[in-house]
Amino acid sequence: MNSSVKREEPLRAVITIEITSDDYKDEYKTRRNKLARDAKFPGFRPGKVPTSLIEKRFGAGLKAEVVNDTLNKELMRLADEEKLHLFGQPLLINEKELSFDADPITFIFHAALRPEVNIPLDKSIELPYYTSTVSEASIDREDQRLRDRNRNQINPESVSVEAKDMLIGKLTEVEPEEGQEPVVVEKTYLMPSMMKNKASEAFEGKKVGDIVRYNPFNAAEGNEQELASTLRLDKEKAVNHKGDFDFTIEEISRSIAPELGEEYYKKCFGESTDIKEETSYRNKLKELIEESQKERANTIFENQLQEVLKERLGNPELDKETLMKVFFKEEELEKLSKDEVEKRYNNLTKALLHTTLIDETARNNDIKVEQEEISKYIADMTWRQLLQYGISPEMIGQFGQDFLKRNLENEEMIYNAHYSVLSRKLAEAAKERISVKEESLSEEDFEAKFNEILAAQAAEEEEQKTQEEQTEKIDN
């Protein structure tokens, strides 16, 4: 085997790999012989199929499989040995000229390289670390939030559905696809407050025993995770059911605000709590707010650190030609205007450079993320998400574990959680190495700085959503 790597500007590696028959013939024979032992052909006993017949029937495909496996191993070896930090997969550029009958078989790739990042976390970086005090008004708001989160669960039978109720009942598909049996879910849980596109309006004023017709696909805005949970189907199957369903209300689960007292304090903070009266309760709330402020302060600091790293990295010129081919479909780009294509490329490079900064700076400082940290992050985020919808701990127990399981299997969520955890660990390490000066702000100014970050994140998410919708229209 003959392999070479040539680096070109801007940030491209040209990888050439020549694979001869000597590189794969032994593995080819091993797999061919195994196939001969296992294959079942009419007129031949197991293990007695002639090699010539195997060659004729499977030879070309088997050879391509073995050559590709040999190629991938060599690519991995080269990337490690040559320290090639790549954006995406290498792009094969001589596919049209390839012949698996040739000896050697020559593969030529273009690989988009990450820029080198060597930004020291030292005292040359100066950043403020913002803090704030806790007002009585903040404690009042936290009291209300905690009461909402720990509402008592009741199951009234003679009342009408309200916005934050959880409904339990039977779901039946109205008009299934021709030749298909209707989807019937004997027991599922619905939260009208979580529905989109005004789907919750169909449930307003309904009672136990009523049948409500609604469209789960529209209510979930086509979200495959939500549909899979509601319809109790695999994600791939759930998204194909876009019609109306009838939901028979069998139970209405409602939460009501609790009164202050020892029973409530134990419910909030556990049986072992020593809180017995309102003053101690409010002091505890102050501690919770201070913990929340510390989390927000860390987020602000983390964001500031990333901005400094971006500034010091500058604007390196990337291998645009390769990146466009690796990350975008040619037929998709052809349907976009020149400005839209450029906007997509700019958004792509912004995201790639962001992850590169975090990855490389963390690597340079020996900072890693463990799987347990990712799982914990996703679990914490899941419970916070459910609590934001006013779902009490008792209600979470009924379907929260299923919701969490789906999140833990969601590849996009795992990817985002990895970088969230890594970015936070990097910021924590930076505090010990750079110049940090604590600065106290008013509650209003502190919240304003935090909300600026949330607004920027929301704008990025909206832009991403717009692009995805545009791509879906193009594909359709």
Protein backbone atom coordinates (compact mmCIF):
# COMPACT_ATOMS: atom_id res chain seq x y z
CA MET A 1 0.00 0.00 0.00
CA ASN A 2 1.26 3.46 -0.88
CA SER A 3 -0.26 6.44 0.95
CA SER A 4 0.54 10.14 1.06
CA VAL A 5 -0.83 13.36 2.53
CA LYS A 6 -0.21 16.74 0.94
CA ARG A 7 -1.34 19.87 2.74
CA GLU A 8 -2.65 22.77 0.66
CA GLU A 9 -4.12 26.19 1.29
CA PRO A 10 -6.67 27.00 2.42
CA LEU A 11 -6.65 24.29 5.12
CA ARG A 12 -6.97 21.27 2.84
CA ALA A 13 -5.33 17.85 2.93
CA VAL A 14 -5.03 15.90 -0.33
CA ILE A 15 -4.95 12.22 0.63
CA THR A 16 -3.84 9.65 -1.92
CA ILE A 17 -4.09 5.93 -1.16
CA GLU A 18 -3.03 3.17 -3.53
CA ILE A 19 -4.33 -0.28 -2.56
CA THR A 20 -2.82 -3.32 -4.25
CA SER A 21 -4.23 -6.83 -4.36
CA ASP A 22 -1.57 -7.89 -1.83
CA ASP A 23 -3.17 -5.53 0.71
CA TYR A 24 -6.52 -7.28 0.73
CA LYS A 25 -6.19 -10.74 -0.87
CA ASP A 26 -5.86 -12.64 2.43
CA GLU A 27 -8.91 -10.97 3.93
CA TYR A 28 -10.81 -11.51 0.69
CA LYS A 29 -10.03 -15.25 0.76
CA THR A 30 -11.05 -15.49 4.41
CA ARG A 31 -14.44 -13.89 3.79
CA ARG A 32 -14.97 -15.83 0.56
CA ASN A 33 -14.29 -19.14 2.30
CA LYS A 34 -16.62 -18.25 5.16
CA LEU A 35 -19.30 -17.35 2.64
CA ALA A 36 -18.78 -20.71 0.90
CA ARG A 37 -19.20 -22.54 4.23
CA ASP A 38 -22.38 -20.66 5.16
CA ALA A 39 -24.03 -20.24 1.74
CA LYS A 40 -27.05 -22.34 0.79
CA PHE A 41 -27.35 -23.17 -2.90
CA PRO A 42 -29.84 -25.59 -4.48
CA GLY A 43 -28.09 -28.86 -5.37
CA PHE A 44 -25.19 -28.41 -2.96
CA ARG A 45 -24.75 -29.57 0.60
CA PRO A 46 -23.84 -26.89 3.19
CA GLY A 47 -20.13 -26.14 3.02
CA LYS A 48 -19.74 -27.83 -0.37
CA VAL A 49 -20.53 -24.85 -2.65
CA PRO A 50 -17.70 -24.52 -5.21
CA THR A 51 -15.48 -21.48 -4.86
CA SER A 52 -15.99 -20.68 -8.53
CA LEU A 53 -19.74 -20.31 -7.94
CA ILE A 54 -19.16 -18.06 -4.96
CA GLU A 55 -16.77 -15.96 -7.05
CA LYS A 56 -19.29 -15.67 -9.86
CA ARG A 57 -22.22 -14.76 -7.62
CA PHE A 58 -20.58 -12.62 -4.94
CA GLY A 59 -17.02 -11.88 -6.07
CA ALA A 60 -17.40 -8.27 -7.25
CA GLY A 61 -19.44 -7.16 -4.22
CA LEU A 62 -17.18 -8.99 -1.78
CA LYS A 63 -14.07 -7.44 -3.30
CA ALA A 64 -15.56 -3.94 -3.07
CA GLU A 65 -16.50 -4.57 0.58
CA VAL A 66 -12.99 -5.77 1.52
CA VAL A 67 -11.27 -2.95 -0.40
CA ASN A 68 -13.48 -0.33 1.28
CA ASP A 69 -12.77 -1.77 4.72
CA THR A 70 -9.03 -1.69 3.94
CA LEU A 71 -9.38 1.89 2.72
CA ASN A 72 -11.23 3.06 5.84
CA LYS A 73 -8.61 1.53 8.12
CA GLU A 74 -5.87 3.32 6.19
CA LEU A 75 -7.75 6.62 6.36
CA MET A 76 -8.05 6.26 10.13
CA ARG A 77 -4.36 5.41 10.42
CA LEU A 78 -3.33 8.41 8.34
CA ALA A 79 -5.58 10.80 10.27
CA ASP A 80 -4.01 9.64 13.52
CA GLU A 81 -0.41 9.47 12.31
CA GLU A 82 -0.52 12.76 10.39
CA LYS A 83 -2.59 14.46 13.11
CA LEU A 84 -5.31 15.41 10.64
CA HIS A 85 -8.13 17.19 12.50
CA LEU A 86 -10.93 17.14 9.94
CA PHE A 87 -14.28 18.80 9.39
CA GLY A 88 -16.55 15.92 8.40
CA GLN A 89 -15.47 12.97 6.27
CA PRO A 90 -12.84 13.10 3.50
CA LEU A 91 -14.36 13.74 0.07
CA LEU A 92 -13.53 11.23 -2.68
CA ILE A 93 -12.76 13.27 -5.82
CA ASN A 94 -11.88 10.56 -8.37
CA GLU A 95 -14.93 8.37 -7.99
CA LYS A 96 -15.77 8.50 -11.71
CA GLU A 97 -12.30 7.21 -12.66
CA LEU A 98 -12.24 4.43 -10.06
CA SER A 99 -12.02 0.80 -11.19
CA PHE A 100 -12.03 -2.07 -8.71
CA ASP A 101 -10.51 -4.21 -11.45
CA ALA A 102 -7.35 -2.09 -11.42
CA ASP A 103 -4.25 -3.07 -9.48
CA PRO A 104 -3.41 -0.89 -7.66
CA ILE A 105 -6.71 0.90 -7.00
CA THR A 106 -6.02 4.59 -6.43
CA PHE A 107 -8.23 6.73 -4.19
CA ILE A 108 -7.81 10.52 -3.98
CA PHE A 109 -9.55 12.54 -1.26
CA HIS A 110 -9.88 16.18 -0.34
CA ALA A 111 -10.23 16.69 3.41
CA ALA A 112 -11.18 20.01 5.01
CA LEU A 113 -8.81 20.67 7.91
CA ARG A 114 -9.63 22.40 11.14
CA PRO A 115 -7.52 25.50 11.83
CA GLU A 116 -4.80 25.11 14.42
CA VAL A 117 -5.89 26.46 17.79
CA ASN A 118 -3.21 27.28 20.30
CA ILE A 119 -4.67 29.97 22.53
CA PRO A 120 -3.18 29.77 26.01
CA LEU A 121 -5.48 30.24 28.99
CA ASP A 122 -3.24 32.63 30.91
CA LYS A 123 -3.25 36.01 32.65
CA SER A 124 -3.25 37.85 29.32
CA ILE A 125 -7.01 37.12 29.25
CA GLU A 126 -8.89 39.45 31.60
CA LEU A 127 -12.59 38.90 32.26
CA PRO A 128 -15.15 40.08 34.83
CA TYR A 129 -17.20 37.58 36.80
CA TYR A 130 -20.60 39.14 37.45
CA THR A 131 -22.59 38.57 40.64
CA SER A 132 -25.78 40.05 42.09
CA THR A 133 -27.78 40.33 45.29
CA VAL A 134 -31.18 38.75 46.04
CA SER A 135 -34.20 41.02 46.62
CA GLU A 136 -37.42 40.26 48.46
CA ALA A 137 -39.27 40.50 45.14
CA SER A 138 -37.07 37.72 43.80
CA ILE A 139 -37.88 35.58 46.83
CA ASP A 140 -41.61 36.19 46.21
CA ARG A 141 -41.24 35.05 42.62
CA GLU A 142 -39.31 31.96 43.69
CA ASP A 143 -42.03 31.15 46.23
CA GLN A 144 -44.65 31.28 43.48
CA ARG A 145 -42.50 29.19 41.13
CA LEU A 146 -41.95 26.55 43.82
CA ARG A 147 -45.64 26.41 44.67
CA ASP A 148 -46.45 25.95 41.00
CA ARG A 149 -43.90 23.15 40.74
CA ASN A 150 -45.21 21.35 43.84
CA ARG A 151 -48.90 21.64 43.19
CA ASN A 152 -51.09 18.92 44.69
CA GLN A 153 -52.45 16.33 42.28
CA ILE A 154 -56.19 15.65 42.06
CA ASN A 155 -58.36 13.72 39.57
CA PRO A 156 -61.68 15.58 39.32
CA GLU A 157 -64.42 13.84 37.31
CA SER A 158 -67.09 16.51 37.07
CA VAL A 159 -64.98 19.48 35.95
CA SER A 160 -64.03 20.84 32.54
CA VAL A 161 -60.52 20.65 31.09
CA GLU A 162 -58.23 23.56 31.96
CA ALA A 163 -55.01 24.68 30.27
CA LYS A 164 -52.46 22.87 32.46
CA ASP A 165 -54.39 19.66 33.02
CA MET A 166 -52.92 16.33 32.00
CA LEU A 167 -55.41 14.11 30.19
CA ILE A 168 -55.40 10.31 30.24
CA GLY A 169 -57.39 8.32 27.74
CA LYS A 170 -57.75 6.29 24.55
CA LEU A 171 -56.50 7.50 21.17
CA THR A 172 -57.95 6.18 17.90
CA GLU A 173 -56.97 7.05 14.34
CA VAL A 174 -59.96 8.32 12.34
CA GLU A 175 -58.98 7.60 8.72
CA PRO A 176 -55.94 5.31 8.40
CA GLU A 177 -54.03 4.82 5.17
CA GLU A 178 -55.84 2.61 2.66
CA GLY A 179 -55.31 -1.04 3.53
CA GLN A 180 -53.92 -0.22 6.99
CA GLU A 181 -55.44 -0.89 10.40
CA PRO A 182 -56.11 2.28 12.45
CA VAL A 183 -53.66 3.11 15.21
CA VAL A 184 -55.30 2.55 18.59
CA VAL A 185 -53.56 3.50 21.83
CA GLU A 186 -55.51 2.18 24.81
CA LYS A 187 -53.85 4.53 27.29
CA THR A 188 -51.85 7.64 26.53
CA TYR A 189 -51.15 10.95 28.20
CA LEU A 190 -51.78 14.37 26.65
CA MET A 191 -50.75 17.81 27.87
CA PRO A 192 -52.81 20.41 25.95
CA SER A 193 -50.50 23.16 27.26
CA MET A 194 -47.61 21.59 25.33
CA MET A 195 -49.51 21.43 22.03
CA LYS A 196 -48.69 23.72 19.10
CA ASN A 197 -50.82 25.37 16.40
CA LYS A 198 -53.72 26.08 18.79
CA ALA A 199 -54.50 22.35 19.02
CA SER A 200 -55.27 22.78 22.74
CA GLU A 201 -58.40 24.78 21.89
CA ALA A 202 -60.19 21.55 20.93
CA PHE A 203 -59.91 20.32 24.53
CA GLU A 204 -61.15 23.45 26.30
CA GLY A 205 -64.31 22.87 28.33
CA LYS A 206 -64.36 19.10 27.71
CA LYS A 207 -65.13 16.60 30.47
CA VAL A 208 -64.44 12.96 31.33
CA GLY A 209 -66.20 10.77 28.77
CA ASP A 210 -66.03 13.34 25.97
CA ILE A 211 -64.37 12.48 22.64
CA VAL A 212 -62.09 15.14 21.19
CA ARG A 213 -60.96 15.07 17.57
CA TYR A 214 -57.54 16.61 16.97
CA ASN A 215 -54.43 16.18 14.83
CA PRO A 216 -51.37 14.90 16.78
CA PHE A 217 -49.02 15.65 13.85
CA ASN A 218 -50.01 19.32 13.77
CA ALA A 219 -50.08 19.54 17.57
CA ALA A 220 -46.46 18.35 17.67
CA GLU A 221 -45.46 20.34 14.56
CA GLY A 222 -44.28 17.04 13.11
CA ASN A 223 -41.80 16.42 15.94
CA GLU A 224 -41.03 12.71 15.66
CA GLN A 225 -40.12 12.35 19.33
CA GLU A 226 -43.46 13.74 20.54
CA LEU A 227 -45.43 11.75 17.99
CA ALA A 228 -43.66 8.52 18.90
CA SER A 229 -44.51 9.08 22.56
CA THR A 230 -48.15 9.94 21.90
CA LEU A 231 -48.85 7.18 19.36
CA ARG A 232 -46.62 4.56 21.02
CA LEU A 233 -44.87 3.88 17.69
CA ASP A 234 -41.33 3.98 16.39
CA LYS A 235 -40.32 7.46 15.25
CA GLU A 236 -40.07 6.40 11.61
CA LYS A 237 -43.65 5.09 11.64
CA ALA A 238 -45.16 7.80 13.83
CA VAL A 239 -44.39 10.66 11.42
CA ASN A 240 -46.40 8.94 8.67
CA HIS A 241 -49.67 9.36 10.59
CA LYS A 242 -50.67 12.91 9.70
CA GLY A 243 -54.43 12.66 9.95
CA ASP A 244 -56.99 13.22 12.72
CA PHE A 245 -57.40 11.09 15.85
CA ASP A 246 -60.22 10.79 18.37
CA PHE A 247 -59.18 11.07 22.00
CA THR A 248 -61.59 9.70 24.63
CA ILE A 249 -61.03 11.49 27.94
CA GLU A 250 -60.96 8.91 30.74
CA GLU A 251 -59.22 10.93 33.45
CA ILE A 252 -58.36 14.58 34.09
CA SER A 253 -55.28 15.02 36.25
CA ARG A 254 -55.02 18.51 37.76
CA SER A 255 -52.66 20.22 40.14
CA ILE A 256 -53.65 22.88 42.70
CA ALA A 257 -51.44 25.34 44.57
CA PRO A 258 -50.42 24.20 48.10
CA GLU A 259 -50.60 26.19 51.34
CA LEU A 260 -47.48 26.98 53.39
CA GLY A 261 -46.85 24.61 56.27
CA GLU A 262 -44.62 21.76 57.45
CA GLU A 263 -46.22 19.27 55.07
CA TYR A 264 -45.47 21.57 52.14
CA TYR A 265 -41.88 22.23 53.30
CA LYS A 266 -41.22 18.49 53.50
CA LYS A 267 -42.66 18.03 50.03
CA CYS A 268 -40.31 20.71 48.67
CA PHE A 269 -37.12 19.85 50.52
CA GLY A 270 -37.53 16.28 51.77
CA GLU A 271 -38.68 14.59 54.99
CA SER A 272 -35.45 15.44 56.81
CA THR A 273 -35.79 19.22 56.35
CA ASP A 274 -35.64 21.34 59.50
CA ILE A 275 -37.76 24.11 57.98
CA LYS A 276 -40.89 24.60 60.07
CA GLU A 277 -41.92 28.24 59.55
CA GLU A 278 -42.03 30.90 56.85
CA THR A 279 -38.83 32.79 57.75
CA SER A 280 -36.68 29.69 57.42
CA TYR A 281 -38.57 28.83 54.25
CA ARG A 282 -37.78 32.22 52.69
CA ASN A 283 -34.13 31.92 53.74
CA LYS A 284 -34.01 28.59 51.93
CA LEU A 285 -35.54 30.21 48.85
CA LYS A 286 -32.84 32.87 48.98
CA GLU A 287 -30.21 30.10 48.95
CA LEU A 288 -31.89 28.53 45.90
CA ILE A 289 -31.90 31.86 44.07
CA GLU A 290 -28.24 32.39 44.90
CA GLU A 291 -27.48 28.96 43.41
CA SER A 292 -29.45 29.90 40.30
CA GLN A 293 -27.60 33.21 40.05
CA LYS A 294 -24.30 31.38 40.31
CA GLU A 295 -25.35 29.13 37.40
CA ARG A 296 -26.30 32.20 35.37
CA ALA A 297 -23.06 33.94 36.33
CA ASN A 298 -21.16 30.90 35.06
CA THR A 299 -23.13 31.02 31.81
CA ILE A 300 -22.28 34.71 31.32
CA PHE A 301 -18.63 34.05 32.09
CA GLU A 302 -18.57 31.05 29.75
CA ASN A 303 -20.05 33.17 26.97
CA GLN A 304 -17.49 35.93 27.52
CA LEU A 305 -14.63 33.43 27.43
CA GLN A 306 -15.85 32.03 24.11
CA GLU A 307 -16.03 35.54 22.64
CA VAL A 308 -12.41 36.17 23.65
CA LEU A 309 -11.29 32.86 22.14
CA LYS A 310 -13.15 33.69 18.90
CA GLU A 311 -11.47 37.09 18.76
CA ARG A 312 -8.01 35.59 19.27
CA LEU A 313 -8.60 32.87 16.71
CA GLY A 314 -9.55 35.48 14.13
CA ASN A 315 -11.20 34.52 10.86
CA PRO A 316 -9.17 31.71 9.29
CA GLU A 317 -9.90 30.90 5.65
CA LEU A 318 -11.38 27.41 5.43
CA ASP A 319 -11.60 24.97 2.53
CA LYS A 320 -14.93 26.30 1.25
CA GLU A 321 -15.02 24.12 -1.86
CA THR A 322 -14.70 20.88 0.11
CA LEU A 323 -16.95 21.98 2.97
CA MET A 324 -19.76 22.90 0.59
CA LYS A 325 -19.64 19.43 -1.00
CA VAL A 326 -19.34 17.56 2.31
CA PHE A 327 -22.12 19.34 4.22
CA PHE A 328 -24.61 20.33 1.50
CA LYS A 329 -26.42 18.51 -1.29
CA GLU A 330 -25.66 19.94 -4.72
CA GLU A 331 -29.30 19.70 -5.84
CA GLU A 332 -30.35 21.60 -2.72
CA LEU A 333 -27.92 24.47 -3.33
CA GLU A 334 -29.02 24.78 -6.95
CA LYS A 335 -32.48 25.82 -5.77
CA LEU A 336 -31.17 28.58 -3.48
CA SER A 337 -30.13 32.11 -4.39
CA LYS A 338 -26.49 33.11 -4.21
CA ASP A 339 -27.14 35.09 -1.02
CA GLU A 340 -28.96 32.16 0.59
CA VAL A 341 -26.09 29.79 -0.24
CA GLU A 342 -23.58 32.22 1.24
CA LYS A 343 -25.70 32.62 4.36
CA ARG A 344 -25.80 28.86 4.86
CA TYR A 345 -22.06 28.59 4.41
CA ASN A 346 -21.44 31.39 6.93
CA ASN A 347 -23.73 29.72 9.46
CA LEU A 348 -21.93 26.42 8.88
CA THR A 349 -18.45 27.88 9.40
CA LYS A 350 -19.62 29.75 12.50
CA ALA A 351 -20.79 26.46 14.03
CA LEU A 352 -17.67 24.55 12.93
CA LEU A 353 -15.29 27.15 14.33
CA HIS A 354 -17.25 27.28 17.59
CA THR A 355 -16.92 23.54 18.19
CA THR A 356 -13.28 23.63 17.03
CA LEU A 357 -12.43 26.32 19.58
CA ILE A 358 -13.99 24.30 22.39
CA ASP A 359 -12.55 20.96 21.24
CA GLU A 360 -8.98 22.14 20.67
CA THR A 361 -8.74 24.42 23.71
CA ALA A 362 -10.12 21.63 25.90
CA ARG A 363 -7.67 19.15 24.36
CA ASN A 364 -4.75 21.54 24.91
CA ASN A 365 -5.73 21.75 28.59
CA ASP A 366 -6.45 18.02 29.01
CA ILE A 367 -10.18 18.54 29.65
CA LYS A 368 -12.50 15.64 28.79
CA VAL A 369 -16.16 14.73 29.13
CA GLU A 370 -17.37 11.39 30.48
CA GLN A 371 -20.56 9.63 29.36
CA GLU A 372 -21.99 9.88 32.89
CA GLU A 373 -21.69 13.68 32.71
CA ILE A 374 -23.62 13.77 29.42
CA SER A 375 -26.38 11.54 30.81
CA LYS A 376 -26.71 13.66 33.95
CA TYR A 377 -26.87 16.86 31.89
CA ILE A 378 -29.67 15.45 29.71
CA ALA A 379 -31.57 14.15 32.76
CA ASP A 380 -31.38 17.52 34.54
CA MET A 381 -32.47 19.32 31.38
CA THR A 382 -35.39 16.93 30.89
CA TRP A 383 -36.76 17.45 34.40
CA ARG A 384 -36.38 21.24 34.09
CA GLN A 385 -38.23 21.15 30.78
CA LEU A 386 -41.14 19.20 32.27
CA LEU A 387 -41.30 21.44 35.33
CA GLN A 388 -41.45 24.53 33.11
CA TYR A 389 -44.73 23.23 31.72
CA GLY A 390 -46.15 23.07 35.24
CA ILE A 391 -45.94 19.29 35.45
CA SER A 392 -45.68 18.29 39.11
CA PRO A 393 -43.27 15.59 40.38
CA GLU A 394 -46.21 13.17 40.72
CA MET A 395 -47.19 13.71 37.09
CA ILE A 396 -43.58 13.37 35.96
CA GLY A 397 -43.50 9.90 37.46
CA GLN A 398 -46.23 8.73 35.09
CA PHE A 399 -44.46 9.43 31.83
CA GLY A 400 -41.23 11.28 32.66
CA GLN A 401 -39.03 8.20 32.52
CA ASP A 402 -40.22 7.43 29.00
CA PHE A 403 -39.56 11.05 28.00
CA LEU A 404 -36.08 10.89 29.51
CA LYS A 405 -35.30 7.59 27.76
CA ARG A 406 -36.09 9.13 24.37
CA ASN A 407 -33.90 12.14 25.13
CA LEU A 408 -31.01 9.91 26.17
CA GLU A 409 -31.25 8.16 22.78
CA ASN A 410 -31.53 11.37 20.75
CA GLU A 411 -28.24 11.82 18.86
CA GLU A 412 -28.66 15.57 18.42
CA MET A 413 -29.38 16.01 22.11
CA ILE A 414 -26.33 13.90 23.04
CA TYR A 415 -24.15 15.99 20.70
CA ASN A 416 -25.41 19.28 22.16
CA ALA A 417 -25.08 17.99 25.72
CA HIS A 418 -21.46 16.95 25.06
CA TYR A 419 -20.50 20.45 23.98
CA SER A 420 -22.48 22.11 26.76
CA VAL A 421 -20.67 20.05 29.40
CA LEU A 422 -17.28 20.47 27.71
CA SER A 423 -17.73 24.24 27.37
CA ARG A 424 -18.66 24.57 31.05
CA LYS A 425 -15.68 22.48 32.19
CA LEU A 426 -13.41 24.61 30.02
CA ALA A 427 -14.78 27.80 31.61
CA GLU A 428 -14.27 26.37 35.10
CA ALA A 429 -10.66 25.53 34.28
CA ALA A 430 -10.14 29.01 32.81
CA LYS A 431 -11.16 30.67 36.09
CA GLU A 432 -8.02 29.24 37.69
CA ARG A 433 -5.70 30.31 34.87
CA ILE A 434 -6.82 33.68 33.52
CA SER A 435 -7.26 37.04 35.24
CA VAL A 436 -10.78 37.21 36.74
CA LYS A 437 -12.21 40.20 38.63
CA GLU A 438 -15.53 39.85 40.45
CA GLU A 439 -18.04 42.63 39.75
CA SER A 440 -21.43 43.07 41.46
CA LEU A 441 -24.43 44.18 39.37
CA SER A 442 -28.01 45.12 40.19
CA GLU A 443 -30.56 42.37 39.67
CA GLU A 444 -31.88 44.18 36.60
CA ASP A 445 -28.46 44.56 34.96
CA PHE A 446 -27.48 41.02 35.86
CA GLU A 447 -30.65 39.59 34.31
CA ALA A 448 -30.21 41.81 31.26
CA LYS A 449 -26.77 40.33 30.57
CA PHE A 450 -28.10 36.81 30.95
CA ASN A 451 -31.12 37.52 28.76
CA GLU A 452 -28.85 38.86 26.00
CA ILE A 453 -27.30 35.39 25.78
CA LEU A 454 -30.73 33.71 25.73
CA ALA A 455 -31.90 36.07 22.97
CA ALA A 456 -28.83 35.30 20.85
CA GLN A 457 -29.36 31.56 21.32
CA ALA A 458 -33.05 31.88 20.41
CA ALA A 459 -32.15 33.81 17.24
CA GLU A 460 -29.70 31.07 16.21
CA GLU A 461 -32.29 28.36 16.87
CA GLU A 462 -34.88 30.26 14.81
CA GLU A 463 -32.40 30.64 11.95
CA GLN A 464 -31.66 26.91 12.09
CA LYS A 465 -35.38 26.11 12.08
CA THR A 466 -35.93 28.37 9.06
CA GLN A 467 -33.15 26.61 7.16
CA GLU A 468 -34.55 23.19 8.01
CA GLU A 469 -38.02 24.21 6.81
CA GLN A 470 -36.51 25.59 3.61
CA THR A 471 -34.61 22.35 3.03
CA GLU A 472 -37.76 20.29 3.64
CA LYS A 473 -39.65 22.33 1.02
CA ILE A 474 -36.83 21.80 -1.46
CA ASP A 475 -36.78 18.05 -0.80
CA ASN A 476 -40.54 17.85 -1.30
